PDB file of all heavy atoms in Angstrom:
ATOM      1  N   ALA A   1      96.043  94.857  85.298  1.00  0.00           N
ATOM      2  CA  ALA A   1      94.622  95.118  85.259  1.00  0.00           C
ATOM      3  C   ALA A   1      94.062  94.520  83.985  1.00  0.00           C
ATOM      4  O   ALA A   1      94.764  94.347  82.991  1.00  0.00           O
ATOM      5  CB  ALA A   1      94.353  96.610  85.336  1.00  0.00           C
ATOM      6  N   PRO A   2      92.754  94.194  83.953  1.00  0.00           N
ATOM      7  CA  PRO A   2      92.141  93.641  82.736  1.00  0.00           C
ATOM      8  C   PRO A   2      92.358  94.525  81.515  1.00  0.00           C
ATOM      9  O   PRO A   2      92.145  95.724  81.552  1.00  0.00           O
ATOM     10  CB  PRO A   2      90.648  93.558  83.088  1.00  0.00           C
ATOM     11  CG  PRO A   2      90.637  93.426  84.581  1.00  0.00           C
ATOM     12  CD  PRO A   2      91.786  94.281  85.060  1.00  0.00           C
ATOM     13  N   GLY A   3      92.826  93.907  80.438  1.00  0.00           N
ATOM     14  CA  GLY A   3      93.073  94.660  79.203  1.00  0.00           C
ATOM     15  C   GLY A   3      94.369  95.430  79.160  1.00  0.00           C
ATOM     16  O   GLY A   3      94.646  96.065  78.143  1.00  0.00           O
ATOM     17  N   LYS A   4      95.148  95.367  80.234  1.00  0.00           N
ATOM     18  CA  LYS A   4      96.422  96.095  80.288  1.00  0.00           C
ATOM     19  C   LYS A   4      97.590  95.152  80.344  1.00  0.00           C
ATOM     20  O   LYS A   4      97.455  93.981  80.725  1.00  0.00           O
ATOM     21  CB  LYS A   4      96.447  97.050  81.472  1.00  0.00           C
ATOM     22  CG  LYS A   4      95.518  98.241  81.381  1.00  0.00           C
ATOM     23  CD  LYS A   4      95.799  99.237  82.493  1.00  0.00           C
ATOM     24  CE  LYS A   4      94.997 100.497  82.331  1.00  0.00           C
ATOM     25  NZ  LYS A   4      95.299 101.481  83.414  1.00  0.00           N
ATOM     26  N   GLU A   5      98.750  95.678  79.977  1.00  0.00           N
ATOM     27  CA  GLU A   5      99.983  94.895  80.014  1.00  0.00           C
ATOM     28  C   GLU A   5     100.459  94.760  81.452  1.00  0.00           C
ATOM     29  O   GLU A   5     100.319  95.677  82.272  1.00  0.00           O
ATOM     30  CB  GLU A   5     101.028  95.612  79.166  1.00  0.00           C
ATOM     31  CG  GLU A   5     102.363  94.903  79.075  1.00  0.00           C
ATOM     32  CD  GLU A   5     103.333  95.642  78.161  1.00  0.00           C
ATOM     33  OE1 GLU A   5     102.864  96.355  77.241  1.00  0.00           O
ATOM     34  OE2 GLU A   5     104.548  95.511  78.374  1.00  0.00           O
ATOM     35  N   ARG A   6     101.014  93.609  81.770  1.00  0.00           N
ATOM     36  CA  ARG A   6     101.601  93.399  83.087  1.00  0.00           C
ATOM     37  C   ARG A   6     102.796  94.321  83.242  1.00  0.00           C
ATOM     38  O   ARG A   6     103.657  94.394  82.344  1.00  0.00           O
ATOM     39  CB  ARG A   6     102.003  91.937  83.273  1.00  0.00           C
ATOM     40  CG  ARG A   6     102.465  91.607  84.676  1.00  0.00           C
ATOM     41  CD  ARG A   6     102.710  90.107  84.809  1.00  0.00           C
ATOM     42  NE  ARG A   6     101.491  89.336  84.581  1.00  0.00           N
ATOM     43  CZ  ARG A   6     101.410  88.024  84.782  1.00  0.00           C
ATOM     44  NH1 ARG A   6     102.437  87.332  85.205  1.00  0.00           N
ATOM     45  NH2 ARG A   6     100.256  87.411  84.547  1.00  0.00           N
ATOM     46  N   GLU A   7     102.901  94.987  84.391  1.00  0.00           N
ATOM     47  CA  GLU A   7     103.967  95.957  84.597  1.00  0.00           C
ATOM     48  C   GLU A   7     104.702  95.701  85.900  1.00  0.00           C
ATOM     49  O   GLU A   7     104.146  95.193  86.872  1.00  0.00           O
ATOM     50  CB  GLU A   7     103.417  97.384  84.615  1.00  0.00           C
ATOM     51  CG  GLU A   7     102.461  97.678  85.763  1.00  0.00           C
ATOM     52  CD  GLU A   7     101.993  99.120  85.799  1.00  0.00           C
ATOM     53  OE1 GLU A   7     102.468  99.943  84.986  1.00  0.00           O
ATOM     54  OE2 GLU A   7     101.148  99.443  86.648  1.00  0.00           O
ATOM     55  N   LEU A   8     105.993  96.073  85.882  1.00  0.00           N
ATOM     56  CA  LEU A   8     106.813  95.943  87.089  1.00  0.00           C
ATOM     57  C   LEU A   8     106.375  96.942  88.133  1.00  0.00           C
ATOM     58  O   LEU A   8     106.190  98.132  87.839  1.00  0.00           O
ATOM     59  CB  LEU A   8     108.258  96.155  86.726  1.00  0.00           C
ATOM     60  CG  LEU A   8     109.234  96.214  87.910  1.00  0.00           C
ATOM     61  CD1 LEU A   8     109.374  94.866  88.558  1.00  0.00           C
ATOM     62  CD2 LEU A   8     110.607  96.709  87.456  1.00  0.00           C
ATOM     63  N   VAL A   9     106.233  96.478  89.370  1.00  0.00           N
ATOM     64  CA  VAL A   9     105.980  97.335  90.503  1.00  0.00           C
ATOM     65  C   VAL A   9     107.270  97.560  91.293  1.00  0.00           C
ATOM     66  O   VAL A   9     107.668  98.689  91.553  1.00  0.00           O
ATOM     67  CB  VAL A   9     104.886  96.785  91.413  1.00  0.00           C
ATOM     68  CG1 VAL A   9     104.675  97.693  92.635  1.00  0.00           C
ATOM     69  CG2 VAL A   9     103.591  96.610  90.641  1.00  0.00           C
ATOM     70  N   ALA A  10     107.915  96.466  91.676  1.00  0.00           N
ATOM     71  CA  ALA A  10     109.166  96.523  92.416  1.00  0.00           C
ATOM     72  C   ALA A  10     109.883  95.197  92.315  1.00  0.00           C
ATOM     73  O   ALA A  10     109.248  94.150  92.145  1.00  0.00           O
ATOM     74  CB  ALA A  10     108.912  96.854  93.882  1.00  0.00           C
ATOM     75  N   ARG A  11     111.196  95.230  92.384  1.00  0.00           N
ATOM     76  CA  ARG A  11     111.986  93.998  92.384  1.00  0.00           C
ATOM     77  C   ARG A  11     113.226  94.204  93.225  1.00  0.00           C
ATOM     78  O   ARG A  11     113.732  95.329  93.395  1.00  0.00           O
ATOM     79  CB  ARG A  11     112.357  93.568  90.970  1.00  0.00           C
ATOM     80  CG  ARG A  11     113.210  94.572  90.197  1.00  0.00           C
ATOM     81  CD  ARG A  11     113.393  94.126  88.785  1.00  0.00           C
ATOM     82  NE  ARG A  11     114.068  95.158  87.963  1.00  0.00           N
ATOM     83  CZ  ARG A  11     114.096  95.175  86.654  1.00  0.00           C
ATOM     84  NH1 ARG A  11     113.480  94.223  85.955  1.00  0.00           N
ATOM     85  NH2 ARG A  11     114.732  96.141  86.015  1.00  0.00           N
ATOM     86  N   THR A  12     113.766  93.115  93.735  1.00  0.00           N
ATOM     87  CA  THR A  12     114.938  93.177  94.582  1.00  0.00           C
ATOM     88  C   THR A  12     115.841  91.985  94.314  1.00  0.00           C
ATOM     89  O   THR A  12     115.384  90.880  94.055  1.00  0.00           O
ATOM     90  CB  THR A  12     114.530  93.237  96.071  1.00  0.00           C
ATOM     91  OG1 THR A  12     115.698  93.370  96.879  1.00  0.00           O
ATOM     92  CG2 THR A  12     113.753  91.991  96.486  1.00  0.00           C
ATOM     93  N   THR A  13     117.153  92.216  94.413  1.00  0.00           N
ATOM     94  CA  THR A  13     118.134  91.164  94.284  1.00  0.00           C
ATOM     95  C   THR A  13     118.439  90.566  95.662  1.00  0.00           C
ATOM     96  O   THR A  13     118.042  91.101  96.680  1.00  0.00           O
ATOM     97  CB  THR A  13     119.426  91.683  93.634  1.00  0.00           C
ATOM     98  OG1 THR A  13     119.962  92.759  94.425  1.00  0.00           O
ATOM     99  CG2 THR A  13     119.141  92.209  92.236  1.00  0.00           C
ATOM    100  N   SER A  14     119.184  89.475  95.655  1.00  0.00           N
ATOM    101  CA  SER A  14     119.475  88.788  96.886  1.00  0.00           C
ATOM    102  C   SER A  14     120.355  89.617  97.849  1.00  0.00           C
ATOM    103  O   SER A  14     120.336  89.393  99.059  1.00  0.00           O
ATOM    104  CB  SER A  14     120.140  87.433  96.628  1.00  0.00           C
ATOM    105  OG  SER A  14     121.352  87.613  95.914  1.00  0.00           O
ATOM    106  N   ASP A  15     121.091  90.577  97.292  1.00  0.00           N
ATOM    107  CA  ASP A  15     121.945  91.418  98.137  1.00  0.00           C
ATOM    108  C   ASP A  15     121.257  92.697  98.605  1.00  0.00           C
ATOM    109  O   ASP A  15     121.868  93.539  99.251  1.00  0.00           O
ATOM    110  CB  ASP A  15     123.256  91.758  97.424  1.00  0.00           C
ATOM    111  CG  ASP A  15     123.048  92.549  96.146  1.00  0.00           C
ATOM    112  OD1 ASP A  15     121.878  92.839  95.795  1.00  0.00           O
ATOM    113  OD2 ASP A  15     124.052  92.894  95.508  1.00  0.00           O
ATOM    114  N   GLY A  16     119.964  92.838  98.278  1.00  0.00           N
ATOM    115  CA  GLY A  16     119.193  93.949  98.821  1.00  0.00           C
ATOM    116  C   GLY A  16     118.962  95.131  97.897  1.00  0.00           C
ATOM    117  O   GLY A  16     118.222  96.050  98.287  1.00  0.00           O
ATOM    118  N   ASN A  17     119.556  95.153  96.724  1.00  0.00           N
ATOM    119  CA  ASN A  17     119.273  96.253  95.800  1.00  0.00           C
ATOM    120  C   ASN A  17     117.834  96.162  95.290  1.00  0.00           C
ATOM    121  O   ASN A  17     117.319  95.069  95.038  1.00  0.00           O
ATOM    122  CB  ASN A  17     120.225  96.210  94.607  1.00  0.00           C
ATOM    123  CG  ASN A  17     121.629  96.593  94.987  1.00  0.00           C
ATOM    124  OD1 ASN A  17     121.835  97.476  95.817  1.00  0.00           O
ATOM    125  ND2 ASN A  17     122.615  95.937  94.393  1.00  0.00           N
ATOM    126  N   ALA A  18     117.191  97.307  95.169  1.00  0.00           N
ATOM    127  CA  ALA A  18     115.785  97.344  94.792  1.00  0.00           C
ATOM    128  C   ALA A  18     115.527  98.380  93.712  1.00  0.00           C
ATOM    129  O   ALA A  18     116.180  99.435  93.669  1.00  0.00           O
ATOM    130  CB  ALA A  18     114.926  97.639  96.017  1.00  0.00           C
ATOM    131  N   ASP A  19     114.548  98.082  92.859  1.00  0.00           N
ATOM    132  CA  ASP A  19     114.058  99.016  91.856  1.00  0.00           C
ATOM    133  C   ASP A  19     112.556  99.129  91.963  1.00  0.00           C
ATOM    134  O   ASP A  19     111.875  98.163  92.266  1.00  0.00           O
ATOM    135  CB  ASP A  19     114.430  98.535  90.432  1.00  0.00           C
ATOM    136  CG  ASP A  19     115.925  98.545  90.180  1.00  0.00           C
ATOM    137  OD1 ASP A  19     116.540  99.610  90.375  1.00  0.00           O
ATOM    138  OD2 ASP A  19     116.470  97.499  89.762  1.00  0.00           O
ATOM    139  N   TYR A  20     112.030 100.327  91.717  1.00  0.00           N
ATOM    140  CA  TYR A  20     110.624 100.596  91.816  1.00  0.00           C
ATOM    141  C   TYR A  20     110.112 101.301  90.559  1.00  0.00           C
ATOM    142  O   TYR A  20     110.839 102.063  89.925  1.00  0.00           O
ATOM    143  CB  TYR A  20     110.291 101.481  93.000  1.00  0.00           C
ATOM    144  CG  TYR A  20     110.633 100.894  94.342  1.00  0.00           C
ATOM    145  CD1 TYR A  20     111.880 101.095  94.922  1.00  0.00           C
ATOM    146  CD2 TYR A  20     109.698 100.151  95.052  1.00  0.00           C
ATOM    147  CE1 TYR A  20     112.214 100.559  96.150  1.00  0.00           C
ATOM    148  CE2 TYR A  20     110.026  99.624  96.306  1.00  0.00           C
ATOM    149  CZ  TYR A  20     111.259  99.832  96.839  1.00  0.00           C
ATOM    150  OH  TYR A  20     111.574  99.298  98.079  1.00  0.00           O
ATOM    151  N   ALA A  21     108.845 101.046  90.232  1.00  0.00           N
ATOM    152  CA  ALA A  21     108.190 101.854  89.246  1.00  0.00           C
ATOM    153  C   ALA A  21     108.111 103.286  89.755  1.00  0.00           C
ATOM    154  O   ALA A  21     107.936 103.528  90.943  1.00  0.00           O
ATOM    155  CB  ALA A  21     106.792 101.339  88.972  1.00  0.00           C
ATOM    156  N   ASP A  22     108.257 104.266  88.842  1.00  0.00           N
ATOM    157  CA  ASP A  22     108.232 105.665  89.268  1.00  0.00           C
ATOM    158  C   ASP A  22     106.960 106.037  90.012  1.00  0.00           C
ATOM    159  O   ASP A  22     106.977 106.832  90.956  1.00  0.00           O
ATOM    160  CB  ASP A  22     108.373 106.584  88.032  1.00  0.00           C
ATOM    161  CG  ASP A  22     109.785 106.567  87.480  1.00  0.00           C
ATOM    162  OD1 ASP A  22     110.716 106.157  88.168  1.00  0.00           O
ATOM    163  OD2 ASP A  22     109.928 106.981  86.298  1.00  0.00           O
ATOM    164  N   SER A  23     105.842 105.418  89.636  1.00  0.00           N
ATOM    165  CA  SER A  23     104.565 105.788  90.233  1.00  0.00           C
ATOM    166  C   SER A  23     104.417 105.351  91.690  1.00  0.00           C
ATOM    167  O   SER A  23     103.532 105.853  92.394  1.00  0.00           O
ATOM    168  CB  SER A  23     103.432 105.158  89.408  1.00  0.00           C
ATOM    169  OG  SER A  23     103.495 103.766  89.423  1.00  0.00           O
ATOM    170  N   VAL A  24     105.281 104.434  92.155  1.00  0.00           N
ATOM    171  CA  VAL A  24     105.141 103.931  93.518  1.00  0.00           C
ATOM    172  C   VAL A  24     106.298 104.341  94.433  1.00  0.00           C
ATOM    173  O   VAL A  24     106.258 104.053  95.641  1.00  0.00           O
ATOM    174  CB  VAL A  24     104.976 102.402  93.557  1.00  0.00           C
ATOM    175  CG1 VAL A  24     103.873 101.957  92.617  1.00  0.00           C
ATOM    176  CG2 VAL A  24     106.302 101.691  93.221  1.00  0.00           C
ATOM    177  N   LYS A  25     107.291 105.005  93.889  1.00  0.00           N
ATOM    178  CA  LYS A  25     108.444 105.431  94.710  1.00  0.00           C
ATOM    179  C   LYS A  25     108.001 106.332  95.852  1.00  0.00           C
ATOM    180  O   LYS A  25     107.225 107.249  95.652  1.00  0.00           O
ATOM    181  CB  LYS A  25     109.484 106.136  93.838  1.00  0.00           C
ATOM    182  CG  LYS A  25     110.234 105.216  92.908  1.00  0.00           C
ATOM    183  CD  LYS A  25     111.261 105.993  92.081  1.00  0.00           C
ATOM    184  CE  LYS A  25     112.029 105.043  91.168  1.00  0.00           C
ATOM    185  NZ  LYS A  25     112.982 105.775  90.316  1.00  0.00           N
ATOM    186  N   GLY A  26     108.496 106.034  97.030  1.00  0.00           N
ATOM    187  CA  GLY A  26     108.131 106.804  98.214  1.00  0.00           C
ATOM    188  C   GLY A  26     106.934 106.266  98.940  1.00  0.00           C
ATOM    189  O   GLY A  26     106.674 106.671 100.067  1.00  0.00           O
ATOM    190  N   ARG A  27     106.147 105.394  98.313  1.00  0.00           N
ATOM    191  CA  ARG A  27     104.961 104.843  98.944  1.00  0.00           C
ATOM    192  C   ARG A  27     105.053 103.335  99.175  1.00  0.00           C
ATOM    193  O   ARG A  27     104.486 102.832 100.138  1.00  0.00           O
ATOM    194  CB  ARG A  27     103.713 105.130  98.107  1.00  0.00           C
ATOM    195  CG  ARG A  27     103.367 106.608  97.995  1.00  0.00           C
ATOM    196  CD  ARG A  27     102.036 106.825  97.288  1.00  0.00           C
ATOM    197  NE  ARG A  27     102.095 106.341  95.909  1.00  0.00           N
ATOM    198  CZ  ARG A  27     101.390 105.347  95.428  1.00  0.00           C
ATOM    199  NH1 ARG A  27     100.548 104.667  96.200  1.00  0.00           N
ATOM    200  NH2 ARG A  27     101.474 104.981  94.146  1.00  0.00           N
ATOM    201  N   PHE A  28     105.719 102.622  98.271  1.00  0.00           N
ATOM    202  CA  PHE A  28     105.843 101.182  98.365  1.00  0.00           C
ATOM    203  C   PHE A  28     107.258 100.797  98.803  1.00  0.00           C
ATOM    204  O   PHE A  28     108.217 101.483  98.427  1.00  0.00           O
ATOM    205  CB  PHE A  28     105.570 100.495  97.028  1.00  0.00           C
ATOM    206  CG  PHE A  28     104.135 100.524  96.580  1.00  0.00           C
ATOM    207  CD1 PHE A  28     103.194 101.352  97.182  1.00  0.00           C
ATOM    208  CD2 PHE A  28     103.733  99.733  95.513  1.00  0.00           C
ATOM    209  CE1 PHE A  28     101.876 101.377  96.754  1.00  0.00           C
ATOM    210  CE2 PHE A  28     102.405  99.753  95.079  1.00  0.00           C
ATOM    211  CZ  PHE A  28     101.477 100.578  95.705  1.00  0.00           C
ATOM    212  N   THR A  29     107.378  99.706  99.564  1.00  0.00           N
ATOM    213  CA  THR A  29     108.673  99.201  99.959  1.00  0.00           C
ATOM    214  C   THR A  29     108.729  97.705  99.775  1.00  0.00           C
ATOM    215  O   THR A  29     107.852  96.979 100.276  1.00  0.00           O
ATOM    216  CB  THR A  29     108.955  99.537 101.432  1.00  0.00           C
ATOM    217  OG1 THR A  29     108.902 100.938 101.641  1.00  0.00           O
ATOM    218  CG2 THR A  29     110.361  99.041 101.827  1.00  0.00           C
ATOM    219  N   ILE A  30     109.724  97.220  99.057  1.00  0.00           N
ATOM    220  CA  ILE A  30     109.917  95.791  98.869  1.00  0.00           C
ATOM    221  C   ILE A  30     111.024  95.311  99.830  1.00  0.00           C
ATOM    222  O   ILE A  30     112.009  96.012 100.056  1.00  0.00           O
ATOM    223  CB  ILE A  30     110.274  95.448  97.420  1.00  0.00           C
ATOM    224  CG1 ILE A  30     110.235  93.942  97.188  1.00  0.00           C
ATOM    225  CG2 ILE A  30     111.615  96.034  97.000  1.00  0.00           C
ATOM    226  CD1 ILE A  30     110.313  93.531  95.700  1.00  0.00           C
ATOM    227  N   SER A  31     110.826  94.128 100.393  1.00  0.00           N
ATOM    228  CA  SER A  31     111.805  93.532 101.289  1.00  0.00           C
ATOM    229  C   SER A  31     111.740  92.034 101.140  1.00  0.00           C
ATOM    230  O   SER A  31     110.815  91.483 100.560  1.00  0.00           O
ATOM    231  CB  SER A  31     111.559  93.960 102.726  1.00  0.00           C
ATOM    232  OG  SER A  31     110.273  93.560 103.173  1.00  0.00           O
ATOM    233  N   ARG A  32     112.752  91.348 101.681  1.00  0.00           N
ATOM    234  CA  ARG A  32     112.759  89.886 101.571  1.00  0.00           C
ATOM    235  C   ARG A  32     113.438  89.251 102.754  1.00  0.00           C
ATOM    236  O   ARG A  32     114.294  89.868 103.410  1.00  0.00           O
ATOM    237  CB  ARG A  32     113.434  89.447 100.247  1.00  0.00           C
ATOM    238  CG  ARG A  32     114.910  89.789 100.167  1.00  0.00           C
ATOM    239  CD  ARG A  32     115.414  89.627  98.729  1.00  0.00           C
ATOM    240  NE  ARG A  32     115.525  88.216  98.344  1.00  0.00           N
ATOM    241  CZ  ARG A  32     115.856  87.789  97.130  1.00  0.00           C
ATOM    242  NH1 ARG A  32     116.074  88.680  96.150  1.00  0.00           N
ATOM    243  NH2 ARG A  32     115.957  86.493  96.870  1.00  0.00           N
ATOM    244  N   ASP A  33     113.069  88.025 103.014  1.00  0.00           N
ATOM    245  CA  ASP A  33     113.671  87.204 104.045  1.00  0.00           C
ATOM    246  C   ASP A  33     114.219  85.981 103.350  1.00  0.00           C
ATOM    247  O   ASP A  33     113.473  85.042 103.017  1.00  0.00           O
ATOM    248  CB  ASP A  33     112.670  86.818 105.122  1.00  0.00           C
ATOM    249  CG  ASP A  33     113.290  86.053 106.272  1.00  0.00           C
ATOM    250  OD1 ASP A  33     114.378  85.506 106.122  1.00  0.00           O
ATOM    251  OD2 ASP A  33     112.656  86.011 107.346  1.00  0.00           O
ATOM    252  N   ASN A  34     115.525  85.936 103.106  1.00  0.00           N
ATOM    253  CA  ASN A  34     116.122  84.870 102.347  1.00  0.00           C
ATOM    254  C   ASN A  34     116.083  83.520 103.057  1.00  0.00           C
ATOM    255  O   ASN A  34     116.057  82.459 102.432  1.00  0.00           O
ATOM    256  CB  ASN A  34     117.574  85.194 101.993  1.00  0.00           C
ATOM    257  CG  ASN A  34     117.698  86.319 101.000  1.00  0.00           C
ATOM    258  OD1 ASN A  34     116.829  86.476 100.114  1.00  0.00           O
ATOM    259  ND2 ASN A  34     118.741  87.123 101.114  1.00  0.00           N
ATOM    260  N   THR A  35     116.012  83.529 104.399  1.00  0.00           N
ATOM    261  CA  THR A  35     115.933  82.292 105.141  1.00  0.00           C
ATOM    262  C   THR A  35     114.565  81.610 104.998  1.00  0.00           C
ATOM    263  O   THR A  35     114.445  80.421 105.219  1.00  0.00           O
ATOM    264  CB  THR A  35     116.231  82.497 106.626  1.00  0.00           C
ATOM    265  OG1 THR A  35     115.195  83.297 107.228  1.00  0.00           O
ATOM    266  CG2 THR A  35     117.574  83.213 106.805  1.00  0.00           C
ATOM    267  N   LYS A  36     113.563  82.400 104.606  1.00  0.00           N
ATOM    268  CA  LYS A  36     112.205  81.868 104.435  1.00  0.00           C
ATOM    269  C   LYS A  36     111.753  81.860 102.989  1.00  0.00           C
ATOM    270  O   LYS A  36     110.602  81.533 102.715  1.00  0.00           O
ATOM    271  CB  LYS A  36     111.217  82.696 105.274  1.00  0.00           C
ATOM    272  CG  LYS A  36     111.498  82.643 106.766  1.00  0.00           C
ATOM    273  CD  LYS A  36     110.482  83.459 107.543  1.00  0.00           C
ATOM    274  CE  LYS A  36     110.729  83.394 109.033  1.00  0.00           C
ATOM    275  NZ  LYS A  36     109.765  84.200 109.785  1.00  0.00           N
ATOM    276  N   ASN A  37     112.640  82.240 102.072  1.00  0.00           N
ATOM    277  CA  ASN A  37     112.294  82.336 100.640  1.00  0.00           C
ATOM    278  C   ASN A  37     111.031  83.163 100.437  1.00  0.00           C
ATOM    279  O   ASN A  37     110.137  82.798  99.659  1.00  0.00           O
ATOM    280  CB  ASN A  37     112.141  80.950 100.024  1.00  0.00           C
ATOM    281  CG  ASN A  37     113.437  80.182  99.969  1.00  0.00           C
ATOM    282  OD1 ASN A  37     114.500  80.759  99.814  1.00  0.00           O
ATOM    283  ND2 ASN A  37     113.363  78.868 100.071  1.00  0.00           N
ATOM    284  N   THR A  38     110.970  84.302 101.108  1.00  0.00           N
ATOM    285  CA  THR A  38     109.790  85.139 101.117  1.00  0.00           C
ATOM    286  C   THR A  38     110.129  86.578 100.725  1.00  0.00           C
ATOM    287  O   THR A  38     111.141  87.100 101.152  1.00  0.00           O
ATOM    288  CB  THR A  38     109.117  85.108 102.488  1.00  0.00           C
ATOM    289  OG1 THR A  38     108.768  83.775 102.829  1.00  0.00           O
ATOM    290  CG2 THR A  38     107.876  85.981 102.510  1.00  0.00           C
ATOM    291  N   VAL A  39     109.255  87.166  99.919  1.00  0.00           N
ATOM    292  CA  VAL A  39     109.370  88.551  99.569  1.00  0.00           C
ATOM    293  C   VAL A  39     108.065  89.281  99.967  1.00  0.00           C
ATOM    294  O   VAL A  39     106.982  88.700  99.886  1.00  0.00           O
ATOM    295  CB  VAL A  39     109.667  88.751  98.060  1.00  0.00           C
ATOM    296  CG1 VAL A  39     108.528  88.224  97.193  1.00  0.00           C
ATOM    297  CG2 VAL A  39     109.973  90.212  97.746  1.00  0.00           C
TER     298      VAL A  39
END
């Protein structure tokens, strides 16, 4: 957001492990399609 530091929301490794910011756990879901290079 303007004037704020960039913060992690979610990230995932190629084998499917994922981490989330505490504020979004249970509401946000990260996923990826490795064949399409898409997250």
